[in-house]
Amino acid sequence: MAEFIERLAHLGEDPKIARLSKVPLFEHVPRRQLAVIAANLDEVRIEAGQTLVREGHHNDTFWIVLEGEVDMVIGGHRHQTIGPDGFFGVTSMLDGHPAVGTVVTRTPIRAFVASASQFRAIESSETVMVRLMSAALERMREDLEIKRRRTGSPPA
């Protein structure tokens, strides 16, 4: 019954906006901004075992995983698994440099994707931009810590 009431509450609402509002990256983003973001995302389905981003190569796609899992591999080592509501591709989209890792689908996935030009429209939301930059910095710190542990370097 609760599920039925939830569906009635969102009757007529754009399903893409409804789904985005449940992704932590977009929590508390006003509906008007979510509508702009949703208009700049395409939905895709990808089978397991597909390489989506290749380490050291140009990346021009931002991904938000809706269903399934992907593995991020850095320097030949699995760094992390990203599942529903997770995202990747943000660092190379922000700085224009080659990807720091390879991302391969662990399972079939359903995802929202944004091309470089679509990503620019998403960046227009100040709230989302701050969150994207924060996530990029957090991941860089994690990557550096992993590299430090692998090489046995002392902490900085």
N, C-alpha and C. Protein backbone atom coordinates (compact mmCIF):
# COMPACT_ATOMS: atom_id res chain seq x y z
N MET A 1 0.81 -1.19 0.00
CA MET A 1 0.00 0.00 0.00
C MET A 1 0.86 1.26 0.00
N ALA A 2 1.94 1.25 0.79
CA ALA A 2 2.82 2.42 0.87
C ALA A 2 3.45 2.70 -0.50
N GLU A 3 3.81 1.64 -1.21
CA GLU A 3 4.40 1.81 -2.55
C GLU A 3 3.39 2.46 -3.49
N PHE A 4 2.13 2.06 -3.40
CA PHE A 4 1.08 2.63 -4.24
C PHE A 4 0.91 4.12 -3.95
N ILE A 5 0.92 4.48 -2.67
CA ILE A 5 0.79 5.89 -2.28
C ILE A 5 1.98 6.69 -2.79
N GLU A 6 3.18 6.11 -2.69
CA GLU A 6 4.39 6.77 -3.20
C GLU A 6 4.27 7.03 -4.70
N ARG A 7 3.78 6.05 -5.45
CA ARG A 7 3.60 6.22 -6.90
C ARG A 7 2.57 7.30 -7.19
N LEU A 8 1.48 7.34 -6.44
CA LEU A 8 0.47 8.38 -6.64
C LEU A 8 1.03 9.77 -6.38
N ALA A 9 1.89 9.89 -5.38
CA ALA A 9 2.47 11.19 -5.04
C ALA A 9 3.32 11.73 -6.18
N HIS A 10 3.90 10.83 -6.97
CA HIS A 10 4.77 11.25 -8.07
C HIS A 10 4.11 11.10 -9.43
N LEU A 11 2.80 10.88 -9.44
CA LEU A 11 2.07 10.74 -10.69
C LEU A 11 2.27 11.98 -11.55
N GLY A 12 2.64 11.79 -12.77
CA GLY A 12 2.84 12.90 -13.69
C GLY A 12 4.24 13.49 -13.60
N GLU A 13 5.04 13.06 -12.63
CA GLU A 13 6.40 13.56 -12.49
C GLU A 13 7.30 12.85 -13.49
N ASP A 14 8.25 13.58 -14.04
CA ASP A 14 9.23 13.02 -14.96
C ASP A 14 10.01 11.93 -14.22
N PRO A 15 10.01 10.69 -14.73
CA PRO A 15 10.70 9.60 -14.02
C PRO A 15 12.20 9.84 -13.88
N LYS A 16 12.79 10.55 -14.83
CA LYS A 16 14.23 10.84 -14.75
C LYS A 16 14.52 11.79 -13.59
N ILE A 17 13.67 12.80 -13.43
CA ILE A 17 13.84 13.74 -12.31
C ILE A 17 13.62 13.01 -10.98
N ALA A 18 12.59 12.17 -10.93
CA ALA A 18 12.32 11.41 -9.71
C ALA A 18 13.51 10.54 -9.34
N ARG A 19 14.12 9.89 -10.33
CA ARG A 19 15.28 9.01 -10.06
C ARG A 19 16.49 9.83 -9.62
N LEU A 20 16.73 10.96 -10.29
CA LEU A 20 17.86 11.82 -9.92
C LEU A 20 17.75 12.31 -8.49
N SER A 21 16.53 12.62 -8.07
CA SER A 21 16.34 13.17 -6.72
C SER A 21 16.72 12.17 -5.64
N LYS A 22 16.86 10.89 -6.00
CA LYS A 22 17.25 9.85 -5.04
C LYS A 22 18.76 9.60 -5.02
N VAL A 23 19.49 10.21 -5.95
CA VAL A 23 20.94 10.06 -6.01
C VAL A 23 21.55 11.06 -5.03
N PRO A 24 22.38 10.61 -4.09
CA PRO A 24 22.95 11.52 -3.09
C PRO A 24 23.60 12.78 -3.68
N LEU A 25 24.23 12.66 -4.82
CA LEU A 25 24.85 13.82 -5.47
C LEU A 25 23.84 14.94 -5.72
N PHE A 26 22.59 14.57 -5.93
CA PHE A 26 21.56 15.55 -6.28
C PHE A 26 20.56 15.82 -5.16
N GLU A 27 20.84 15.32 -3.94
CA GLU A 27 19.93 15.56 -2.81
C GLU A 27 19.78 17.06 -2.58
N HIS A 28 18.56 17.48 -2.37
CA HIS A 28 18.22 18.88 -2.05
C HIS A 28 18.50 19.85 -3.18
N VAL A 29 18.68 19.34 -4.40
CA VAL A 29 18.81 20.23 -5.55
C VAL A 29 17.39 20.57 -5.98
N PRO A 30 17.10 21.86 -6.17
CA PRO A 30 15.74 22.25 -6.57
C PRO A 30 15.26 21.56 -7.84
N ARG A 31 13.98 21.27 -7.88
CA ARG A 31 13.38 20.56 -9.03
C ARG A 31 13.70 21.24 -10.36
N ARG A 32 13.70 22.56 -10.38
CA ARG A 32 13.99 23.28 -11.63
C ARG A 32 15.40 22.94 -12.14
N GLN A 33 16.38 22.88 -11.22
CA GLN A 33 17.74 22.51 -11.61
C GLN A 33 17.81 21.03 -11.99
N LEU A 34 17.07 20.19 -11.27
CA LEU A 34 17.03 18.76 -11.63
C LEU A 34 16.47 18.57 -13.04
N ALA A 35 15.50 19.40 -13.42
CA ALA A 35 14.92 19.30 -14.76
C ALA A 35 15.98 19.61 -15.82
N VAL A 36 16.82 20.61 -15.57
CA VAL A 36 17.90 20.94 -16.52
C VAL A 36 18.90 19.79 -16.60
N ILE A 37 19.25 19.26 -15.44
CA ILE A 37 20.20 18.14 -15.40
C ILE A 37 19.62 16.93 -16.12
N ALA A 38 18.37 16.59 -15.82
CA ALA A 38 17.71 15.44 -16.45
C ALA A 38 17.67 15.59 -17.97
N ALA A 39 17.44 16.80 -18.44
CA ALA A 39 17.38 17.03 -19.89
C ALA A 39 18.73 16.81 -20.55
N ASN A 40 19.79 16.81 -19.75
CA ASN A 40 21.14 16.65 -20.30
C ASN A 40 21.76 15.29 -19.96
N LEU A 41 20.92 14.33 -19.65
CA LEU A 41 21.38 12.97 -19.39
C LEU A 41 20.65 12.01 -20.31
N ASP A 42 21.39 11.06 -20.83
CA ASP A 42 20.80 9.98 -21.63
C ASP A 42 20.86 8.71 -20.80
N GLU A 43 19.90 7.83 -20.99
CA GLU A 43 19.90 6.56 -20.28
C GLU A 43 20.43 5.48 -21.20
N VAL A 44 21.34 4.65 -20.67
CA VAL A 44 21.92 3.56 -21.45
C VAL A 44 21.90 2.27 -20.64
N ARG A 45 21.97 1.17 -21.35
CA ARG A 45 22.14 -0.16 -20.74
C ARG A 45 23.37 -0.77 -21.39
N ILE A 46 24.25 -1.32 -20.55
CA ILE A 46 25.52 -1.88 -21.01
C ILE A 46 25.68 -3.27 -20.39
N GLU A 47 26.13 -4.21 -21.19
CA GLU A 47 26.35 -5.58 -20.71
C GLU A 47 27.60 -5.67 -19.85
N ALA A 48 27.72 -6.74 -19.09
CA ALA A 48 28.90 -6.99 -18.25
C ALA A 48 30.14 -7.17 -19.11
N GLY A 49 31.28 -6.78 -18.54
CA GLY A 49 32.56 -6.98 -19.21
C GLY A 49 32.95 -5.89 -20.21
N GLN A 50 32.21 -4.80 -20.25
CA GLN A 50 32.50 -3.73 -21.21
C GLN A 50 33.36 -2.64 -20.55
N THR A 51 34.39 -2.20 -21.27
CA THR A 51 35.23 -1.11 -20.79
C THR A 51 34.57 0.21 -21.15
N LEU A 52 34.30 1.02 -20.14
CA LEU A 52 33.62 2.29 -20.34
C LEU A 52 34.58 3.47 -20.37
N VAL A 53 35.63 3.38 -19.57
CA VAL A 53 36.66 4.40 -19.51
C VAL A 53 37.99 3.67 -19.47
N ARG A 54 38.99 4.18 -20.20
CA ARG A 54 40.30 3.53 -20.24
C ARG A 54 41.37 4.44 -19.63
N GLU A 55 42.08 3.91 -18.64
CA GLU A 55 43.14 4.65 -17.97
C GLU A 55 44.13 5.23 -18.98
N GLY A 56 44.47 6.51 -18.80
CA GLY A 56 45.45 7.17 -19.67
C GLY A 56 44.88 7.68 -20.98
N HIS A 57 43.60 7.43 -21.23
CA HIS A 57 42.96 7.88 -22.46
C HIS A 57 41.97 9.01 -22.15
N HIS A 58 41.68 9.77 -23.17
CA HIS A 58 40.71 10.85 -23.03
C HIS A 58 39.34 10.27 -22.68
N ASN A 59 38.67 10.90 -21.73
CA ASN A 59 37.32 10.49 -21.35
C ASN A 59 36.40 11.68 -21.56
N ASP A 60 35.32 11.47 -22.28
CA ASP A 60 34.39 12.57 -22.52
C ASP A 60 32.97 12.21 -22.10
N THR A 61 32.87 11.36 -21.05
CA THR A 61 31.55 10.94 -20.58
C THR A 61 31.52 10.88 -19.05
N PHE A 62 30.45 11.44 -18.49
CA PHE A 62 30.17 11.38 -17.07
C PHE A 62 29.07 10.34 -16.88
N TRP A 63 29.24 9.44 -15.92
CA TRP A 63 28.33 8.32 -15.71
C TRP A 63 27.72 8.36 -14.31
N ILE A 64 26.43 8.04 -14.21
CA ILE A 64 25.74 7.83 -12.94
C ILE A 64 25.13 6.44 -13.03
N VAL A 65 25.58 5.53 -12.18
CA VAL A 65 25.09 4.15 -12.19
C VAL A 65 23.72 4.10 -11.52
N LEU A 66 22.75 3.55 -12.22
CA LEU A 66 21.40 3.39 -11.68
C LEU A 66 21.17 1.97 -11.18
N GLU A 67 21.66 1.01 -11.95
CA GLU A 67 21.55 -0.42 -11.60
C GLU A 67 22.83 -1.10 -12.01
N GLY A 68 23.24 -2.10 -11.23
CA GLY A 68 24.43 -2.87 -11.56
C GLY A 68 25.68 -2.30 -10.91
N GLU A 69 26.84 -2.85 -11.32
CA GLU A 69 28.11 -2.45 -10.72
C GLU A 69 29.20 -2.36 -11.77
N VAL A 70 30.13 -1.45 -11.51
CA VAL A 70 31.33 -1.31 -12.34
C VAL A 70 32.54 -1.37 -11.42
N ASP A 71 33.66 -1.85 -11.96
CA ASP A 71 34.92 -1.86 -11.22
C ASP A 71 35.82 -0.77 -11.76
N MET A 72 36.44 -0.01 -10.84
CA MET A 72 37.45 0.97 -11.23
C MET A 72 38.80 0.34 -10.95
N VAL A 73 39.64 0.29 -11.98
CA VAL A 73 40.96 -0.32 -11.89
C VAL A 73 41.99 0.77 -12.15
N ILE A 74 42.95 0.90 -11.23
CA ILE A 74 44.01 1.90 -11.38
C ILE A 74 45.34 1.17 -11.32
N GLY A 75 46.14 1.35 -12.37
CA GLY A 75 47.46 0.70 -12.41
C GLY A 75 47.38 -0.81 -12.35
N GLY A 76 46.31 -1.38 -12.90
CA GLY A 76 46.15 -2.83 -12.91
C GLY A 76 45.56 -3.42 -11.65
N HIS A 77 45.27 -2.59 -10.64
CA HIS A 77 44.70 -3.06 -9.38
C HIS A 77 43.28 -2.54 -9.23
N ARG A 78 42.37 -3.43 -8.82
CA ARG A 78 40.99 -2.99 -8.59
C ARG A 78 40.99 -2.02 -7.42
N HIS A 79 40.51 -0.84 -7.68
CA HIS A 79 40.50 0.24 -6.69
C HIS A 79 39.20 0.23 -5.89
N GLN A 80 38.08 0.13 -6.62
CA GLN A 80 36.78 0.13 -5.96
C GLN A 80 35.72 -0.36 -6.91
N THR A 81 34.59 -0.76 -6.32
CA THR A 81 33.41 -1.12 -7.09
C THR A 81 32.39 -0.01 -6.86
N ILE A 82 31.81 0.46 -7.95
CA ILE A 82 30.81 1.52 -7.89
C ILE A 82 29.47 0.91 -8.26
N GLY A 83 28.49 1.11 -7.39
CA GLY A 83 27.16 0.55 -7.60
C GLY A 83 26.11 1.63 -7.79
N PRO A 84 24.85 1.26 -7.61
CA PRO A 84 23.75 2.19 -7.81
C PRO A 84 23.93 3.50 -7.03
N ASP A 85 23.66 4.59 -7.71
CA ASP A 85 23.76 5.97 -7.22
C ASP A 85 25.19 6.48 -7.19
N GLY A 86 26.16 5.63 -7.55
CA GLY A 86 27.54 6.08 -7.66
C GLY A 86 27.78 6.70 -9.03
N PHE A 87 28.89 7.40 -9.16
CA PHE A 87 29.20 8.04 -10.43
C PHE A 87 30.69 8.00 -10.67
N PHE A 88 31.08 8.21 -11.92
CA PHE A 88 32.50 8.23 -12.29
C PHE A 88 32.67 9.04 -13.57
N GLY A 89 33.93 9.36 -13.85
CA GLY A 89 34.23 10.17 -15.03
C GLY A 89 34.31 11.65 -14.72
N VAL A 90 34.03 12.01 -13.47
CA VAL A 90 33.95 13.43 -13.12
C VAL A 90 35.30 14.12 -13.17
N THR A 91 36.38 13.48 -12.68
CA THR A 91 37.67 14.15 -12.62
C THR A 91 38.16 14.54 -14.01
N SER A 92 38.12 13.60 -14.94
CA SER A 92 38.60 13.92 -16.29
C SER A 92 37.67 14.88 -17.02
N MET A 93 36.39 14.88 -16.65
CA MET A 93 35.47 15.85 -17.25
C MET A 93 35.76 17.25 -16.72
N LEU A 94 36.15 17.35 -15.45
CA LEU A 94 36.44 18.66 -14.87
C LEU A 94 37.77 19.22 -15.33
N ASP A 95 38.80 18.37 -15.40
CA ASP A 95 40.13 18.91 -15.72
C ASP A 95 40.59 18.68 -17.16
N GLY A 96 39.86 17.85 -17.92
CA GLY A 96 40.23 17.62 -19.32
C GLY A 96 41.44 16.73 -19.53
N HIS A 97 41.99 16.19 -18.45
CA HIS A 97 43.15 15.31 -18.57
C HIS A 97 42.70 13.86 -18.78
N PRO A 98 43.62 12.99 -19.21
CA PRO A 98 43.26 11.58 -19.40
C PRO A 98 42.73 10.95 -18.11
N ALA A 99 41.95 9.91 -18.27
CA ALA A 99 41.35 9.20 -17.14
C ALA A 99 42.42 8.59 -16.25
N VAL A 100 42.20 8.63 -14.94
CA VAL A 100 43.16 8.07 -13.99
C VAL A 100 42.96 6.57 -13.78
N GLY A 101 41.86 6.04 -14.28
CA GLY A 101 41.60 4.62 -14.11
C GLY A 101 40.78 4.06 -15.25
N THR A 102 40.70 2.75 -15.27
CA THR A 102 39.86 2.04 -16.24
C THR A 102 38.60 1.62 -15.50
N VAL A 103 37.47 1.77 -16.16
CA VAL A 103 36.20 1.37 -15.56
C VAL A 103 35.57 0.31 -16.45
N VAL A 104 35.27 -0.85 -15.85
CA VAL A 104 34.71 -1.99 -16.58
C VAL A 104 33.43 -2.43 -15.88
N THR A 105 32.41 -2.74 -16.65
CA THR A 105 31.16 -3.21 -16.06
C THR A 105 31.37 -4.60 -15.45
N ARG A 106 31.06 -4.72 -14.18
CA ARG A 106 31.15 -6.00 -13.46
C ARG A 106 29.90 -6.82 -13.75
N THR A 107 28.76 -6.13 -13.83
CA THR A 107 27.47 -6.73 -14.13
C THR A 107 26.84 -5.89 -15.25
N PRO A 108 25.74 -6.35 -15.81
CA PRO A 108 25.02 -5.43 -16.72
C PRO A 108 24.62 -4.19 -15.91
N ILE A 109 24.66 -3.04 -16.55
CA ILE A 109 24.29 -1.82 -15.84
C ILE A 109 23.24 -1.03 -16.62
N ARG A 110 22.54 -0.21 -15.88
CA ARG A 110 21.68 0.83 -16.44
C ARG A 110 22.24 2.10 -15.85
N ALA A 111 22.46 3.11 -16.69
CA ALA A 111 23.11 4.33 -16.21
C ALA A 111 22.60 5.55 -16.96
N PHE A 112 22.77 6.70 -16.32
CA PHE A 112 22.61 7.98 -16.99
C PHE A 112 24.01 8.40 -17.41
N VAL A 113 24.13 8.94 -18.62
CA VAL A 113 25.41 9.42 -19.11
C VAL A 113 25.25 10.83 -19.66
N ALA A 114 26.34 11.58 -19.56
CA ALA A 114 26.37 12.93 -20.12
C ALA A 114 27.65 13.08 -20.93
N SER A 115 27.50 13.60 -22.14
CA SER A 115 28.66 13.92 -22.97
C SER A 115 29.30 15.18 -22.41
N ALA A 116 30.42 15.59 -22.99
CA ALA A 116 31.11 16.80 -22.52
C ALA A 116 30.19 18.01 -22.57
N SER A 117 29.47 18.18 -23.66
CA SER A 117 28.59 19.35 -23.76
C SER A 117 27.41 19.25 -22.79
N GLN A 118 26.88 18.06 -22.59
CA GLN A 118 25.80 17.87 -21.62
C GLN A 118 26.31 18.12 -20.20
N PHE A 119 27.54 17.70 -19.94
CA PHE A 119 28.14 17.90 -18.62
C PHE A 119 28.25 19.38 -18.30
N ARG A 120 28.56 20.21 -19.28
CA ARG A 120 28.67 21.66 -19.07
C ARG A 120 27.34 22.22 -18.55
N ALA A 121 26.24 21.71 -19.06
CA ALA A 121 24.92 22.17 -18.58
C ALA A 121 24.70 21.72 -17.14
N ILE A 122 25.15 20.52 -16.81
CA ILE A 122 25.01 20.00 -15.45
C ILE A 122 25.84 20.86 -14.48
N GLU A 123 27.02 21.28 -14.94
CA GLU A 123 27.89 22.12 -14.11
C GLU A 123 27.27 23.47 -13.78
N SER A 124 26.26 23.86 -14.52
CA SER A 124 25.65 25.18 -14.29
C SER A 124 24.95 25.26 -12.93
N SER A 125 24.67 24.11 -12.33
CA SER A 125 24.10 24.10 -10.98
C SER A 125 25.25 24.25 -9.99
N GLU A 126 25.27 25.36 -9.27
CA GLU A 126 26.34 25.62 -8.31
C GLU A 126 26.42 24.53 -7.25
N THR A 127 25.28 24.10 -6.77
CA THR A 127 25.24 23.05 -5.74
C THR A 127 25.89 21.77 -6.26
N VAL A 128 25.51 21.37 -7.47
CA VAL A 128 26.05 20.13 -8.04
C VAL A 128 27.54 20.30 -8.34
N MET A 129 27.93 21.45 -8.84
CA MET A 129 29.34 21.69 -9.17
C MET A 129 30.22 21.56 -7.92
N VAL A 130 29.79 22.14 -6.82
CA VAL A 130 30.55 22.03 -5.57
C VAL A 130 30.66 20.56 -5.15
N ARG A 131 29.57 19.83 -5.27
CA ARG A 131 29.59 18.41 -4.90
C ARG A 131 30.49 17.60 -5.83
N LEU A 132 30.47 17.92 -7.13
CA LEU A 132 31.33 17.22 -8.08
C LEU A 132 32.80 17.48 -7.78
N MET A 133 33.13 18.73 -7.51
CA MET A 133 34.53 19.06 -7.20
C MET A 133 34.97 18.41 -5.89
N SER A 134 34.09 18.39 -4.91
CA SER A 134 34.41 17.75 -3.64
C SER A 134 34.65 16.26 -3.85
N ALA A 135 33.79 15.61 -4.64
CA ALA A 135 33.95 14.18 -4.92
C ALA A 135 35.26 13.92 -5.66
N ALA A 136 35.60 14.78 -6.62
CA ALA A 136 36.84 14.61 -7.38
C ALA A 136 38.04 14.72 -6.45
N LEU A 137 38.03 15.69 -5.54
CA LEU A 137 39.14 15.85 -4.60
C LEU A 137 39.23 14.66 -3.65
N GLU A 138 38.10 14.18 -3.18
CA GLU A 138 38.09 13.03 -2.28
C GLU A 138 38.66 11.80 -2.97
N ARG A 139 38.28 11.59 -4.22
CA ARG A 139 38.79 10.43 -4.96
C ARG A 139 40.28 10.57 -5.24
N MET A 140 40.75 11.79 -5.54
CA MET A 140 42.19 11.98 -5.76
C MET A 140 42.96 11.64 -4.49
N ARG A 141 42.44 12.07 -3.35
CA ARG A 141 43.10 11.77 -2.08
C ARG A 141 43.15 10.25 -1.86
N GLU A 142 42.05 9.56 -2.13
CA GLU A 142 42.02 8.10 -2.00
C GLU A 142 43.03 7.45 -2.93
N ASP A 143 43.08 7.93 -4.19
CA ASP A 143 44.01 7.38 -5.17
C ASP A 143 45.47 7.57 -4.72
N LEU A 144 45.78 8.75 -4.20
CA LEU A 144 47.13 9.01 -3.72
C LEU A 144 47.49 8.13 -2.54
N GLU A 145 46.54 7.91 -1.64
CA GLU A 145 46.78 7.05 -0.48
C GLU A 145 47.04 5.61 -0.93
N ILE A 146 46.27 5.13 -1.88
CA ILE A 146 46.48 3.77 -2.39
C ILE A 146 47.85 3.66 -3.04
N LYS A 147 48.21 4.65 -3.84
CA LYS A 147 49.52 4.65 -4.51
C LYS A 147 50.63 4.67 -3.46
N ARG A 148 50.46 5.49 -2.42
CA ARG A 148 51.46 5.57 -1.36
C ARG A 148 51.64 4.22 -0.68
N ARG A 149 50.53 3.53 -0.39
CA ARG A 149 50.61 2.23 0.27
C ARG A 149 51.30 1.19 -0.62
N ARG A 150 51.00 1.26 -1.92
CA ARG A 150 51.59 0.28 -2.86
C ARG A 150 53.10 0.49 -3.01
N THR A 151 53.53 1.73 -2.98
CA THR A 151 54.96 2.01 -3.17
C THR A 151 55.72 2.03 -1.86
N GLY A 152 54.98 2.01 -0.73
CA GLY A 152 55.63 2.03 0.57
C GLY A 152 56.15 3.40 0.95
N SER A 153 55.69 4.44 0.28
CA SER A 153 56.12 5.81 0.60
C SER A 153 55.54 6.25 1.93
N PRO A 154 56.28 7.08 2.68
CA PRO A 154 55.73 7.60 3.94
C PRO A 154 54.62 8.61 3.65
N PRO A 155 53.69 8.78 4.58
CA PRO A 155 52.62 9.77 4.39
C PRO A 155 53.21 11.16 4.23
N ALA A 156 52.53 11.99 3.46
CA ALA A 156 53.01 13.35 3.24
C ALA A 156 52.70 14.25 4.40
